[in-house]
């Protein structure tokens, strides 16, 4: 069971909304919308994706990592490293 399982429907709803925003961006480019308006929408989509990523990361840490740490052993160390790498990827993006 994944850490996000309890919120799966909410994540799917949010991702569908983001998908609609991206389709809206495509239409804006097709319709030759003003650059700043497109950039504003790109920023909104980016923030929305970051919010999803942070939620998934929080779920992963509070469920998968916490469970591994409670169990201990090499799996705990691996899960902590995995979470650290995910955080590093998010910070770089």
C-alpha atoms as a PDB file:
ATOM      1  CA  UNK A   1       0.000   0.000   0.000  1.00  0.00           C
ATOM      2  CA  UNK A   2       1.356   3.412  -0.968  1.00  0.00           C
ATOM      3  CA  UNK A   3       1.385   6.423   1.332  1.00  0.00           C
ATOM      4  CA  UNK A   4      -0.900   8.366  -0.997  1.00  0.00           C
ATOM      5  CA  UNK A   5      -3.564   5.633  -1.183  1.00  0.00           C
ATOM      6  CA  UNK A   6      -5.896   7.423   1.214  1.00  0.00           C
ATOM      7  CA  UNK A   7      -5.751  10.574  -0.940  1.00  0.00           C
ATOM      8  CA  UNK A   8      -5.588   8.859  -4.309  1.00  0.00           C
ATOM      9  CA  UNK A   9      -8.854  10.296  -5.592  1.00  0.00           C
ATOM     10  CA  UNK A  10      -7.856  13.819  -4.557  1.00  0.00           C
ATOM     11  CA  UNK A  11      -4.521  13.439  -6.362  1.00  0.00           C
ATOM     12  CA  UNK A  12      -6.259  12.164  -9.490  1.00  0.00           C
ATOM     13  CA  UNK A  13      -8.715  15.057  -9.404  1.00  0.00           C
ATOM     14  CA  UNK A  14      -5.897  17.563  -9.013  1.00  0.00           C
ATOM     15  CA  UNK A  15      -3.870  15.981 -11.824  1.00  0.00           C
ATOM     16  CA  UNK A  16      -6.893  16.072 -14.139  1.00  0.00           C
ATOM     17  CA  UNK A  17      -7.313  19.753 -13.338  1.00  0.00           C
ATOM     18  CA  UNK A  18      -3.637  20.332 -14.140  1.00  0.00           C
ATOM     19  CA  UNK A  19      -4.073  18.401 -17.387  1.00  0.00           C
ATOM     20  CA  UNK A  20      -6.881  20.815 -18.289  1.00  0.00           C
ATOM     21  CA  UNK A  21      -4.622  23.757 -17.497  1.00  0.00           C
ATOM     22  CA  UNK A  22      -1.962  22.365 -19.834  1.00  0.00           C
ATOM     23  CA  UNK A  23      -4.530  21.927 -22.610  1.00  0.00           C
ATOM     24  CA  UNK A  24      -5.507  25.551 -21.977  1.00  0.00           C
ATOM     25  CA  UNK A  25      -1.870  26.539 -22.450  1.00  0.00           C
ATOM     26  CA  UNK A  26      -1.814  24.721 -25.768  1.00  0.00           C
ATOM     27  CA  UNK A  27      -4.898  26.631 -26.879  1.00  0.00           C
ATOM     28  CA  UNK A  28      -3.346  29.901 -25.778  1.00  0.00           C
ATOM     29  CA  UNK A  29      -0.285  29.240 -27.950  1.00  0.00           C
ATOM     30  CA  UNK A  30      -2.447  28.099 -30.874  1.00  0.00           C
ATOM     31  CA  UNK A  31      -4.506  31.289 -30.522  1.00  0.00           C
ATOM     32  CA  UNK A  32      -1.384  33.487 -30.338  1.00  0.00           C
ATOM     33  CA  UNK A  33      -2.166  34.733 -26.824  1.00  0.00           C
ATOM     34  CA  UNK A  34      -0.024  37.419 -25.227  1.00  0.00           C
ATOM     35  CA  UNK A  35       3.308  36.020 -23.974  1.00  0.00           C
ATOM     36  CA  UNK A  36       2.899  37.295 -20.422  1.00  0.00           C
ATOM     37  CA  UNK A  37      -0.535  35.694 -20.158  1.00  0.00           C
ATOM     38  CA  UNK A  38       0.922  32.356 -21.249  1.00  0.00           C
ATOM     39  CA  UNK A  39       3.818  32.702 -18.804  1.00  0.00           C
ATOM     40  CA  UNK A  40       1.379  33.462 -15.996  1.00  0.00           C
ATOM     41  CA  UNK A  41      -0.489  30.248 -16.746  1.00  0.00           C
ATOM     42  CA  UNK A  42       2.762  28.254 -17.010  1.00  0.00           C
ATOM     43  CA  UNK A  43       3.649  29.529 -13.545  1.00  0.00           C
ATOM     44  CA  UNK A  44       0.250  28.435 -12.212  1.00  0.00           C
ATOM     45  CA  UNK A  45       0.660  24.938 -13.688  1.00  0.00           C
ATOM     46  CA  UNK A  46       4.177  24.700 -12.272  1.00  0.00           C
ATOM     47  CA  UNK A  47       2.963  25.651  -8.784  1.00  0.00           C
ATOM     48  CA  UNK A  48       0.121  23.146  -9.041  1.00  0.00           C
ATOM     49  CA  UNK A  49       2.522  20.339  -9.978  1.00  0.00           C
ATOM     50  CA  UNK A  50       4.859  21.344  -7.172  1.00  0.00           C
ATOM     51  CA  UNK A  51       1.961  21.148  -4.718  1.00  0.00           C
ATOM     52  CA  UNK A  52       1.180  17.620  -5.919  1.00  0.00           C
ATOM     53  CA  UNK A  53       4.847  16.663  -5.617  1.00  0.00           C
ATOM     54  CA  UNK A  54       5.103  18.049  -2.089  1.00  0.00           C
ATOM     55  CA  UNK A  55       1.946  16.212  -1.057  1.00  0.00           C
ATOM     56  CA  UNK A  56       3.261  12.941  -2.456  1.00  0.00           C
ATOM     57  CA  UNK A  57       6.595  13.505  -0.742  1.00  0.00           C
ATOM     58  CA  UNK A  58       4.879  14.185   2.575  1.00  0.00           C
ATOM     59  CA  UNK A  59       2.777  11.044   2.176  1.00  0.00           C
ATOM     60  CA  UNK A  60       5.880   9.011   1.302  1.00  0.00           C
ATOM     61  CA  UNK A  61       7.811  10.248   4.328  1.00  0.00           C
ATOM     62  CA  UNK A  62       4.953   9.844   6.783  1.00  0.00           C
ATOM     63  CA  UNK A  63       4.048   6.375   5.539  1.00  0.00           C
ATOM     64  CA  UNK A  64       6.804   4.510   3.702  1.00  0.00           C
ATOM     65  CA  UNK A  65       9.852   6.116   5.310  1.00  0.00           C
ATOM     66  CA  UNK A  66       8.373   6.162   8.806  1.00  0.00           C
ATOM     67  CA  UNK A  67       7.396   2.503   8.525  1.00  0.00           C
ATOM     68  CA  UNK A  68      10.881   1.550   7.325  1.00  0.00           C
ATOM     69  CA  UNK A  69      12.535   3.554  10.107  1.00  0.00           C
ATOM     70  CA  UNK A  70      10.338   1.847  12.717  1.00  0.00           C
ATOM     71  CA  UNK A  71      11.350  -1.526  11.292  1.00  0.00           C
ATOM     72  CA  UNK A  72      15.012  -0.537  11.127  1.00  0.00           C
ATOM     73  CA  UNK A  73      17.815  -2.227   9.256  1.00  0.00           C
ATOM     74  CA  UNK A  74      19.117  -1.562   5.760  1.00  0.00           C
ATOM     75  CA  UNK A  75      15.644  -0.871   4.377  1.00  0.00           C
ATOM     76  CA  UNK A  76      15.329   2.134   6.693  1.00  0.00           C
ATOM     77  CA  UNK A  77      18.599   3.573   5.482  1.00  0.00           C
ATOM     78  CA  UNK A  78      17.592   2.969   1.853  1.00  0.00           C
ATOM     79  CA  UNK A  79      14.211   4.702   2.321  1.00  0.00           C
ATOM     80  CA  UNK A  80      15.837   7.736   3.963  1.00  0.00           C
ATOM     81  CA  UNK A  81      18.327   7.996   1.074  1.00  0.00           C
ATOM     82  CA  UNK A  82      15.505   7.604  -1.418  1.00  0.00           C
ATOM     83  CA  UNK A  83      13.538  10.415   0.253  1.00  0.00           C
ATOM     84  CA  UNK A  84      16.631  12.639   0.356  1.00  0.00           C
ATOM     85  CA  UNK A  85      17.189  12.083  -3.357  1.00  0.00           C
ATOM     86  CA  UNK A  86      13.538  12.949  -4.079  1.00  0.00           C
ATOM     87  CA  UNK A  87      13.865  16.151  -2.060  1.00  0.00           C
ATOM     88  CA  UNK A  88      17.041  17.046  -3.959  1.00  0.00           C
ATOM     89  CA  UNK A  89      15.233  16.543  -7.285  1.00  0.00           C
ATOM     90  CA  UNK A  90      12.387  18.803  -6.169  1.00  0.00           C
ATOM     91  CA  UNK A  91      14.764  21.506  -4.960  1.00  0.00           C
ATOM     92  CA  UNK A  92      16.660  21.484  -8.260  1.00  0.00           C
ATOM     93  CA  UNK A  93      13.523  21.814 -10.364  1.00  0.00           C
END
